[in-house]
PDB file of all heavy atoms in Angstrom:
ATOM      1  N   ARG A   1      18.926 187.747  81.580  1.00  0.00           N
ATOM      2  CA  ARG A   1      19.933 186.970  80.873  1.00  0.00           C
ATOM      3  C   ARG A   1      20.699 187.892  79.932  1.00  0.00           C
ATOM      4  O   ARG A   1      20.144 188.782  79.302  1.00  0.00           O
ATOM      5  CB  ARG A   1      19.281 185.830  80.093  1.00  0.00           C
ATOM      6  CG  ARG A   1      18.603 184.813  80.997  1.00  0.00           C
ATOM      7  CD  ARG A   1      17.828 183.794  80.212  1.00  0.00           C
ATOM      8  NE  ARG A   1      18.714 182.959  79.413  1.00  0.00           N
ATOM      9  CZ  ARG A   1      18.279 182.053  78.544  1.00  0.00           C
ATOM     10  NH1 ARG A   1      16.980 181.881  78.371  1.00  0.00           N
ATOM     11  NH2 ARG A   1      19.133 181.319  77.848  1.00  0.00           N
ATOM     12  N   GLN A   2      21.983 187.655  79.841  1.00  0.00           N
ATOM     13  CA  GLN A   2      22.846 188.538  79.073  1.00  0.00           C
ATOM     14  C   GLN A   2      23.148 187.961  77.688  1.00  0.00           C
ATOM     15  O   GLN A   2      23.116 186.751  77.475  1.00  0.00           O
ATOM     16  CB  GLN A   2      24.169 188.759  79.824  1.00  0.00           C
ATOM     17  CG  GLN A   2      23.989 189.364  81.206  1.00  0.00           C
ATOM     18  CD  GLN A   2      23.367 190.748  81.169  1.00  0.00           C
ATOM     19  OE1 GLN A   2      23.756 191.580  80.351  1.00  0.00           O
ATOM     20  NE2 GLN A   2      22.412 190.989  82.032  1.00  0.00           N
ATOM     21  N   ASN A   3      23.445 188.862  76.752  1.00  0.00           N
ATOM     22  CA  ASN A   3      23.957 188.499  75.431  1.00  0.00           C
ATOM     23  C   ASN A   3      23.016 187.595  74.642  1.00  0.00           C
ATOM     24  O   ASN A   3      23.453 186.724  73.882  1.00  0.00           O
ATOM     25  CB  ASN A   3      25.329 187.808  75.550  1.00  0.00           C
ATOM     26  CG  ASN A   3      26.336 188.668  76.289  1.00  0.00           C
ATOM     27  OD1 ASN A   3      26.382 189.884  76.085  1.00  0.00           O
ATOM     28  ND2 ASN A   3      27.127 188.052  77.165  1.00  0.00           N
ATOM     29  N   LEU A   4      21.721 187.799  74.821  1.00  0.00           N
ATOM     30  CA  LEU A   4      20.755 187.038  74.032  1.00  0.00           C
ATOM     31  C   LEU A   4      20.307 187.866  72.831  1.00  0.00           C
ATOM     32  O   LEU A   4      20.026 189.058  72.951  1.00  0.00           O
ATOM     33  CB  LEU A   4      19.534 186.678  74.873  1.00  0.00           C
ATOM     34  CG  LEU A   4      19.661 185.473  75.800  1.00  0.00           C
ATOM     35  CD1 LEU A   4      18.345 185.264  76.528  1.00  0.00           C
ATOM     36  CD2 LEU A   4      20.028 184.219  75.035  1.00  0.00           C
ATOM     37  N   ARG A   5      20.228 187.217  71.694  1.00  0.00           N
ATOM     38  CA  ARG A   5      19.693 187.885  70.513  1.00  0.00           C
ATOM     39  C   ARG A   5      18.172 187.791  70.530  1.00  0.00           C
ATOM     40  O   ARG A   5      17.609 186.832  71.048  1.00  0.00           O
ATOM     41  CB  ARG A   5      20.239 187.214  69.251  1.00  0.00           C
ATOM     42  CG  ARG A   5      21.763 187.289  69.125  1.00  0.00           C
ATOM     43  CD  ARG A   5      22.248 186.415  67.979  1.00  0.00           C
ATOM     44  NE  ARG A   5      21.883 185.018  68.199  1.00  0.00           N
ATOM     45  CZ  ARG A   5      22.131 184.050  67.327  1.00  0.00           C
ATOM     46  NH1 ARG A   5      22.730 184.316  66.184  1.00  0.00           N
ATOM     47  NH2 ARG A   5      21.764 182.804  67.598  1.00  0.00           N
ATOM     48  N   LEU A   6      17.528 188.784  69.936  1.00  0.00           N
ATOM     49  CA  LEU A   6      16.070 188.813  69.930  1.00  0.00           C
ATOM     50  C   LEU A   6      15.491 187.540  69.324  1.00  0.00           C
ATOM     51  O   LEU A   6      14.508 186.989  69.812  1.00  0.00           O
ATOM     52  CB  LEU A   6      15.567 190.041  69.161  1.00  0.00           C
ATOM     53  CG  LEU A   6      14.045 190.229  69.107  1.00  0.00           C
ATOM     54  CD1 LEU A   6      13.466 190.360  70.512  1.00  0.00           C
ATOM     55  CD2 LEU A   6      13.691 191.453  68.273  1.00  0.00           C
ATOM     56  N   LYS A   7      16.128 187.018  68.280  1.00  0.00           N
ATOM     57  CA  LYS A   7      15.569 185.839  67.607  1.00  0.00           C
ATOM     58  C   LYS A   7      15.681 184.576  68.462  1.00  0.00           C
ATOM     59  O   LYS A   7      15.046 183.566  68.166  1.00  0.00           O
ATOM     60  CB  LYS A   7      16.257 185.620  66.264  1.00  0.00           C
ATOM     61  CG  LYS A   7      17.714 185.193  66.343  1.00  0.00           C
ATOM     62  CD  LYS A   7      18.255 184.947  64.941  1.00  0.00           C
ATOM     63  CE  LYS A   7      19.695 184.445  64.964  1.00  0.00           C
ATOM     64  NZ  LYS A   7      20.194 184.172  63.607  1.00  0.00           N
ATOM     65  N   ASP A   8      16.488 184.630  69.531  1.00  0.00           N
ATOM     66  CA  ASP A   8      16.611 183.483  70.425  1.00  0.00           C
ATOM     67  C   ASP A   8      15.640 183.557  71.609  1.00  0.00           C
ATOM     68  O   ASP A   8      15.612 182.656  72.446  1.00  0.00           O
ATOM     69  CB  ASP A   8      18.041 183.391  70.973  1.00  0.00           C
ATOM     70  CG  ASP A   8      19.066 183.136  69.878  1.00  0.00           C
ATOM     71  OD1 ASP A   8      18.741 182.396  68.931  1.00  0.00           O
ATOM     72  OD2 ASP A   8      20.175 183.687  69.967  1.00  0.00           O
ATOM     73  N   MET A   9      14.867 184.628  71.676  1.00  0.00           N
ATOM     74  CA  MET A   9      13.985 184.826  72.818  1.00  0.00           C
ATOM     75  C   MET A   9      12.558 184.398  72.489  1.00  0.00           C
ATOM     76  O   MET A   9      12.034 184.714  71.425  1.00  0.00           O
ATOM     77  CB  MET A   9      13.967 186.305  73.216  1.00  0.00           C
ATOM     78  CG  MET A   9      15.315 186.844  73.629  1.00  0.00           C
ATOM     79  SD  MET A   9      15.180 188.589  74.069  1.00  0.00           S
ATOM     80  CE  MET A   9      16.902 188.990  74.339  1.00  0.00           C
ATOM     81  N   PRO A  10      11.906 183.667  73.398  1.00  0.00           N
ATOM     82  CA  PRO A  10      10.489 183.330  73.199  1.00  0.00           C
ATOM     83  C   PRO A  10       9.615 184.543  73.525  1.00  0.00           C
ATOM     84  O   PRO A  10       9.965 185.369  74.372  1.00  0.00           O
ATOM     85  CB  PRO A  10      10.241 182.197  74.191  1.00  0.00           C
ATOM     86  CG  PRO A  10      11.239 182.442  75.273  1.00  0.00           C
ATOM     87  CD  PRO A  10      12.454 183.046  74.601  1.00  0.00           C
ATOM     88  N   ILE A  11       8.510 184.648  72.834  1.00  0.00           N
ATOM     89  CA  ILE A  11       7.555 185.719  73.085  1.00  0.00           C
ATOM     90  C   ILE A  11       6.218 185.072  73.438  1.00  0.00           C
ATOM     91  O   ILE A  11       5.735 184.200  72.717  1.00  0.00           O
ATOM     92  CB  ILE A  11       7.387 186.636  71.864  1.00  0.00           C
ATOM     93  CG1 ILE A  11       8.666 187.436  71.638  1.00  0.00           C
ATOM     94  CG2 ILE A  11       6.202 187.570  72.045  1.00  0.00           C
ATOM     95  CD1 ILE A  11       8.608 188.307  70.417  1.00  0.00           C
ATOM     96  N   TYR A  12       5.647 185.501  74.555  1.00  0.00           N
ATOM     97  CA  TYR A  12       4.347 184.990  74.984  1.00  0.00           C
ATOM     98  C   TYR A  12       3.341 186.132  74.911  1.00  0.00           C
ATOM     99  O   TYR A  12       3.586 187.210  75.426  1.00  0.00           O
ATOM    100  CB  TYR A  12       4.433 184.431  76.398  1.00  0.00           C
ATOM    101  CG  TYR A  12       5.392 183.275  76.509  1.00  0.00           C
ATOM    102  CD1 TYR A  12       6.732 183.498  76.827  1.00  0.00           C
ATOM    103  CD2 TYR A  12       4.971 181.977  76.257  1.00  0.00           C
ATOM    104  CE1 TYR A  12       7.625 182.438  76.911  1.00  0.00           C
ATOM    105  CE2 TYR A  12       5.847 180.917  76.337  1.00  0.00           C
ATOM    106  CZ  TYR A  12       7.179 181.154  76.665  1.00  0.00           C
ATOM    107  OH  TYR A  12       8.064 180.110  76.737  1.00  0.00           O
ATOM    108  N   PHE A  13       2.229 185.863  74.269  1.00  0.00           N
ATOM    109  CA  PHE A  13       1.248 186.919  74.032  1.00  0.00           C
ATOM    110  C   PHE A  13      -0.124 186.446  74.487  1.00  0.00           C
ATOM    111  O   PHE A  13      -0.550 185.349  74.171  1.00  0.00           O
ATOM    112  CB  PHE A  13       1.210 187.268  72.541  1.00  0.00           C
ATOM    113  CG  PHE A  13       0.223 188.356  72.190  1.00  0.00           C
ATOM    114  CD1 PHE A  13       0.594 189.678  72.233  1.00  0.00           C
ATOM    115  CD2 PHE A  13      -1.077 188.044  71.837  1.00  0.00           C
ATOM    116  CE1 PHE A  13      -0.298 190.678  71.920  1.00  0.00           C
ATOM    117  CE2 PHE A  13      -1.984 189.033  71.527  1.00  0.00           C
ATOM    118  CZ  PHE A  13      -1.599 190.352  71.571  1.00  0.00           C
ATOM    119  N   ASN A  14      -0.799 187.304  75.255  1.00  0.00           N
ATOM    120  CA  ASN A  14      -2.160 187.017  75.691  1.00  0.00           C
ATOM    121  C   ASN A  14      -2.917 188.326  75.689  1.00  0.00           C
ATOM    122  O   ASN A  14      -2.520 189.264  76.371  1.00  0.00           O
ATOM    123  CB  ASN A  14      -2.145 186.398  77.095  1.00  0.00           C
ATOM    124  CG  ASN A  14      -3.530 185.989  77.560  1.00  0.00           C
ATOM    125  OD1 ASN A  14      -4.527 186.332  76.939  1.00  0.00           O
ATOM    126  ND2 ASN A  14      -3.583 185.263  78.664  1.00  0.00           N
ATOM    127  N   ASP A  15      -3.994 188.380  74.910  1.00  0.00           N
ATOM    128  CA  ASP A  15      -4.745 189.632  74.854  1.00  0.00           C
ATOM    129  C   ASP A  15      -5.705 189.763  76.029  1.00  0.00           C
ATOM    130  O   ASP A  15      -6.458 190.721  76.120  1.00  0.00           O
ATOM    131  CB  ASP A  15      -5.476 189.793  73.518  1.00  0.00           C
ATOM    132  CG  ASP A  15      -6.650 188.853  73.371  1.00  0.00           C
ATOM    133  OD1 ASP A  15      -6.701 187.857  74.107  1.00  0.00           O
ATOM    134  OD2 ASP A  15      -7.525 189.103  72.522  1.00  0.00           O
ATOM    135  N   GLY A  16      -5.696 188.796  76.924  1.00  0.00           N
ATOM    136  CA  GLY A  16      -6.429 188.931  78.174  1.00  0.00           C
ATOM    137  C   GLY A  16      -7.831 188.362  78.152  1.00  0.00           C
ATOM    138  O   GLY A  16      -8.165 187.506  78.947  1.00  0.00           O
ATOM    139  N   PHE A  17      -8.658 188.822  77.218  1.00  0.00           N
ATOM    140  CA  PHE A  17     -10.053 188.427  77.253  1.00  0.00           C
ATOM    141  C   PHE A  17     -10.554 187.904  75.912  1.00  0.00           C
ATOM    142  O   PHE A  17     -11.746 187.890  75.649  1.00  0.00           O
ATOM    143  CB  PHE A  17     -10.935 189.617  77.695  1.00  0.00           C
ATOM    144  CG  PHE A  17     -10.648 190.046  79.095  1.00  0.00           C
ATOM    145  CD1 PHE A  17      -9.688 191.020  79.348  1.00  0.00           C
ATOM    146  CD2 PHE A  17     -11.304 189.461  80.154  1.00  0.00           C
ATOM    147  CE1 PHE A  17      -9.422 191.405  80.647  1.00  0.00           C
ATOM    148  CE2 PHE A  17     -11.032 189.855  81.458  1.00  0.00           C
ATOM    149  CZ  PHE A  17     -10.096 190.834  81.704  1.00  0.00           C
ATOM    150  N   GLY A  18      -9.639 187.466  75.035  1.00  0.00           N
ATOM    151  CA  GLY A  18     -10.067 186.901  73.768  1.00  0.00           C
ATOM    152  C   GLY A  18     -10.703 187.910  72.836  1.00  0.00           C
ATOM    153  O   GLY A  18     -11.592 187.578  72.058  1.00  0.00           O
ATOM    154  N   THR A  19     -10.287 189.157  72.919  1.00  0.00           N
ATOM    155  CA  THR A  19     -10.898 190.189  72.087  1.00  0.00           C
ATOM    156  C   THR A  19     -10.283 190.239  70.692  1.00  0.00           C
ATOM    157  O   THR A  19     -10.794 190.917  69.819  1.00  0.00           O
ATOM    158  CB  THR A  19     -10.751 191.570  72.740  1.00  0.00           C
ATOM    159  OG1 THR A  19      -9.374 191.790  73.046  1.00  0.00           O
ATOM    160  CG2 THR A  19     -11.548 191.618  74.039  1.00  0.00           C
ATOM    161  N   LEU A  20      -9.159 189.547  70.503  1.00  0.00           N
ATOM    162  CA  LEU A  20      -8.548 189.472  69.185  1.00  0.00           C
ATOM    163  C   LEU A  20      -8.724 188.076  68.620  1.00  0.00           C
ATOM    164  O   LEU A  20      -8.578 187.091  69.331  1.00  0.00           O
ATOM    165  CB  LEU A  20      -7.042 189.785  69.263  1.00  0.00           C
ATOM    166  CG  LEU A  20      -6.641 191.187  69.647  1.00  0.00           C
ATOM    167  CD1 LEU A  20      -5.126 191.262  69.806  1.00  0.00           C
ATOM    168  CD2 LEU A  20      -7.091 192.191  68.608  1.00  0.00           C
ATOM    169  N   GLU A  21      -9.067 187.989  67.353  1.00  0.00           N
ATOM    170  CA  GLU A  21      -9.160 186.688  66.698  1.00  0.00           C
ATOM    171  C   GLU A  21      -7.756 186.117  66.527  1.00  0.00           C
ATOM    172  O   GLU A  21      -6.761 186.844  66.471  1.00  0.00           O
ATOM    173  CB  GLU A  21      -9.839 186.840  65.336  1.00  0.00           C
ATOM    174  CG  GLU A  21     -11.281 187.340  65.407  1.00  0.00           C
ATOM    175  CD  GLU A  21     -12.189 186.347  66.110  1.00  0.00           C
ATOM    176  OE1 GLU A  21     -11.882 185.138  66.056  1.00  0.00           O
ATOM    177  OE2 GLU A  21     -13.180 186.786  66.700  1.00  0.00           O
ATOM    178  N   ASP A  22      -7.674 184.789  66.433  1.00  0.00           N
ATOM    179  CA  ASP A  22      -6.379 184.142  66.264  1.00  0.00           C
ATOM    180  C   ASP A  22      -5.623 184.691  65.068  1.00  0.00           C
ATOM    181  O   ASP A  22      -4.410 184.885  65.109  1.00  0.00           O
ATOM    182  CB  ASP A  22      -6.564 182.627  66.094  1.00  0.00           C
ATOM    183  CG  ASP A  22      -6.995 181.963  67.397  1.00  0.00           C
ATOM    184  OD1 ASP A  22      -6.820 182.592  68.451  1.00  0.00           O
ATOM    185  OD2 ASP A  22      -7.489 180.833  67.336  1.00  0.00           O
ATOM    186  N   MET A  23      -6.327 184.963  63.986  1.00  0.00           N
ATOM    187  CA  MET A  23      -5.672 185.465  62.781  1.00  0.00           C
ATOM    188  C   MET A  23      -5.064 186.837  63.029  1.00  0.00           C
ATOM    189  O   MET A  23      -3.976 187.138  62.552  1.00  0.00           O
ATOM    190  CB  MET A  23      -6.678 185.552  61.621  1.00  0.00           C
ATOM    191  CG  MET A  23      -6.041 185.976  60.309  1.00  0.00           C
ATOM    192  SD  MET A  23      -4.829 184.756  59.708  1.00  0.00           S
ATOM    193  CE  MET A  23      -5.930 183.444  59.219  1.00  0.00           C
ATOM    194  N   GLU A  24      -5.773 187.663  63.801  1.00  0.00           N
ATOM    195  CA  GLU A  24      -5.254 188.992  64.096  1.00  0.00           C
ATOM    196  C   GLU A  24      -3.978 188.904  64.927  1.00  0.00           C
ATOM    197  O   GLU A  24      -3.024 189.646  64.708  1.00  0.00           O
ATOM    198  CB  GLU A  24      -6.306 189.809  64.854  1.00  0.00           C
ATOM    199  CG  GLU A  24      -7.512 190.182  64.021  1.00  0.00           C
ATOM    200  CD  GLU A  24      -8.508 190.969  64.839  1.00  0.00           C
ATOM    201  OE1 GLU A  24      -9.110 190.383  65.761  1.00  0.00           O
ATOM    202  OE2 GLU A  24      -8.683 192.175  64.571  1.00  0.00           O
ATOM    203  N   VAL A  25      -3.964 187.992  65.905  1.00  0.00           N
ATOM    204  CA  VAL A  25      -2.775 187.803  66.734  1.00  0.00           C
ATOM    205  C   VAL A  25      -1.616 187.330  65.876  1.00  0.00           C
ATOM    206  O   VAL A  25      -0.485 187.837  65.983  1.00  0.00           O
ATOM    207  CB  VAL A  25      -3.058 186.788  67.863  1.00  0.00           C
ATOM    208  CG1 VAL A  25      -1.776 186.486  68.636  1.00  0.00           C
ATOM    209  CG2 VAL A  25      -4.120 187.332  68.809  1.00  0.00           C
ATOM    210  N   ASP A  26      -1.884 186.353  65.004  1.00  0.00           N
ATOM    211  CA  ASP A  26      -0.839 185.816  64.148  1.00  0.00           C
ATOM    212  C   ASP A  26      -0.283 186.898  63.231  1.00  0.00           C
ATOM    213  O   ASP A  26       0.932 187.010  63.040  1.00  0.00           O
ATOM    214  CB  ASP A  26      -1.394 184.659  63.315  1.00  0.00           C
ATOM    215  CG  ASP A  26      -0.296 183.899  62.581  1.00  0.00           C
ATOM    216  OD1 ASP A  26       0.558 183.325  63.252  1.00  0.00           O
ATOM    217  OD2 ASP A  26      -0.304 183.908  61.335  1.00  0.00           O
ATOM    218  N   THR A  27      -1.168 187.721  62.691  1.00  0.00           N
ATOM    219  CA  THR A  27      -0.734 188.803  61.807  1.00  0.00           C
ATOM    220  C   THR A  27       0.104 189.820  62.574  1.00  0.00           C
ATOM    221  O   THR A  27       1.147 190.284  62.096  1.00  0.00           O
ATOM    222  CB  THR A  27      -1.953 189.511  61.178  1.00  0.00           C
ATOM    223  OG1 THR A  27      -2.698 188.557  60.432  1.00  0.00           O
ATOM    224  CG2 THR A  27      -1.508 190.646  60.263  1.00  0.00           C
ATOM    225  N   PHE A  28      -0.340 190.156  63.762  1.00  0.00           N
ATOM    226  CA  PHE A  28       0.383 191.116  64.596  1.00  0.00           C
ATOM    227  C   PHE A  28       1.799 190.631  64.886  1.00  0.00           C
ATOM    228  O   PHE A  28       2.779 191.355  64.715  1.00  0.00           O
ATOM    229  CB  PHE A  28      -0.379 191.328  65.899  1.00  0.00           C
ATOM    230  CG  PHE A  28       0.379 192.117  66.938  1.00  0.00           C
ATOM    231  CD1 PHE A  28       0.404 193.501  66.892  1.00  0.00           C
ATOM    232  CD2 PHE A  28       1.054 191.474  67.959  1.00  0.00           C
ATOM    233  CE1 PHE A  28       1.103 194.227  67.838  1.00  0.00           C
ATOM    234  CE2 PHE A  28       1.756 192.192  68.913  1.00  0.00           C
ATOM    235  CZ  PHE A  28       1.777 193.573  68.855  1.00  0.00           C
ATOM    236  N   LEU A  29       1.927 189.382  65.330  1.00  0.00           N
ATOM    237  CA  LEU A  29       3.233 188.854  65.685  1.00  0.00           C
ATOM    238  C   LEU A  29       4.117 188.654  64.465  1.00  0.00           C
ATOM    239  O   LEU A  29       5.313 188.934  64.509  1.00  0.00           O
ATOM    240  CB  LEU A  29       3.078 187.530  66.447  1.00  0.00           C
ATOM    241  CG  LEU A  29       2.432 187.660  67.825  1.00  0.00           C
ATOM    242  CD1 LEU A  29       2.167 186.282  68.420  1.00  0.00           C
ATOM    243  CD2 LEU A  29       3.313 188.457  68.763  1.00  0.00           C
ATOM    244  N   ASN A  30       3.512 188.167  63.377  1.00  0.00           N
ATOM    245  CA  ASN A  30       4.288 187.957  62.156  1.00  0.00           C
ATOM    246  C   ASN A  30       4.884 189.255  61.643  1.00  0.00           C
ATOM    247  O   ASN A  30       6.040 189.308  61.214  1.00  0.00           O
ATOM    248  CB  ASN A  30       3.407 187.328  61.076  1.00  0.00           C
ATOM    249  CG  ASN A  30       3.566 185.817  61.006  1.00  0.00           C
ATOM    250  OD1 ASN A  30       4.675 185.318  60.851  1.00  0.00           O
ATOM    251  ND2 ASN A  30       2.470 185.107  61.139  1.00  0.00           N
ATOM    252  N   SER A  31       4.086 190.323  61.685  1.00  0.00           N
ATOM    253  CA  SER A  31       4.528 191.591  61.106  1.00  0.00           C
ATOM    254  C   SER A  31       5.675 192.208  61.900  1.00  0.00           C
ATOM    255  O   SER A  31       6.461 192.980  61.368  1.00  0.00           O
ATOM    256  CB  SER A  31       3.351 192.579  61.039  1.00  0.00           C
ATOM    257  OG  SER A  31       2.894 192.898  62.339  1.00  0.00           O
ATOM    258  N   ARG A  32       5.774 191.861  63.177  1.00  0.00           N
ATOM    259  CA  ARG A  32       6.781 192.498  64.027  1.00  0.00           C
ATOM    260  C   ARG A  32       7.955 191.598  64.391  1.00  0.00           C
ATOM    261  O   ARG A  32       9.058 192.088  64.613  1.00  0.00           O
ATOM    262  CB  ARG A  32       6.106 193.009  65.311  1.00  0.00           C
ATOM    263  CG  ARG A  32       5.229 194.227  65.034  1.00  0.00           C
ATOM    264  CD  ARG A  32       4.229 194.433  66.153  1.00  0.00           C
ATOM    265  NE  ARG A  32       3.478 195.667  65.954  1.00  0.00           N
ATOM    266  CZ  ARG A  32       2.473 195.772  65.099  1.00  0.00           C
ATOM    267  NH1 ARG A  32       2.105 194.737  64.368  1.00  0.00           N
ATOM    268  NH2 ARG A  32       1.833 196.926  64.959  1.00  0.00           N
ATOM    269  N   PHE A  33       7.712 190.291  64.443  1.00  0.00           N
ATOM    270  CA  PHE A  33       8.749 189.429  65.012  1.00  0.00           C
ATOM    271  C   PHE A  33       9.173 188.269  64.143  1.00  0.00           C
ATOM    272  O   PHE A  33      10.078 187.531  64.525  1.00  0.00           O
ATOM    273  CB  PHE A  33       8.277 188.879  66.369  1.00  0.00           C
ATOM    274  CG  PHE A  33       7.940 189.947  67.365  1.00  0.00           C
ATOM    275  CD1 PHE A  33       6.629 190.117  67.796  1.00  0.00           C
ATOM    276  CD2 PHE A  33       8.914 190.781  67.871  1.00  0.00           C
ATOM    277  CE1 PHE A  33       6.322 191.104  68.722  1.00  0.00           C
ATOM    278  CE2 PHE A  33       8.621 191.766  68.784  1.00  0.00           C
ATOM    279  CZ  PHE A  33       7.314 191.931  69.212  1.00  0.00           C
ATOM    280  N   ARG A  34       8.543 188.030  63.015  1.00  0.00           N
ATOM    281  CA  ARG A  34       8.929 186.906  62.192  1.00  0.00           C
ATOM    282  C   ARG A  34      10.397 187.045  61.771  1.00  0.00           C
ATOM    283  O   ARG A  34      10.805 188.072  61.251  1.00  0.00           O
ATOM    284  CB  ARG A  34       8.036 186.820  60.934  1.00  0.00           C
ATOM    285  CG  ARG A  34       8.430 185.719  59.954  1.00  0.00           C
ATOM    286  CD  ARG A  34       8.320 184.335  60.619  1.00  0.00           C
ATOM    287  NE  ARG A  34       6.940 183.970  60.888  1.00  0.00           N
ATOM    288  CZ  ARG A  34       6.596 182.918  61.615  1.00  0.00           C
ATOM    289  NH1 ARG A  34       7.524 182.165  62.150  1.00  0.00           N
ATOM    290  NH2 ARG A  34       5.322 182.641  61.821  1.00  0.00           N
ATOM    291  N   GLY A  35      11.173 186.046  62.063  1.00  0.00           N
ATOM    292  CA  GLY A  35      12.596 186.069  61.746  1.00  0.00           C
ATOM    293  C   GLY A  35      13.423 186.774  62.791  1.00  0.00           C
ATOM    294  O   GLY A  35      14.656 186.734  62.758  1.00  0.00           O
TER     295      GLY A  35
END
């Protein structure tokens, strides 16, 4: 898709085998993509 801004794009994250706690995932995504 063309001319999409990063903030308009959904991000789907799966660590595969549950090796990260929910809080760690939330912290990871917040630190990089919030806003």
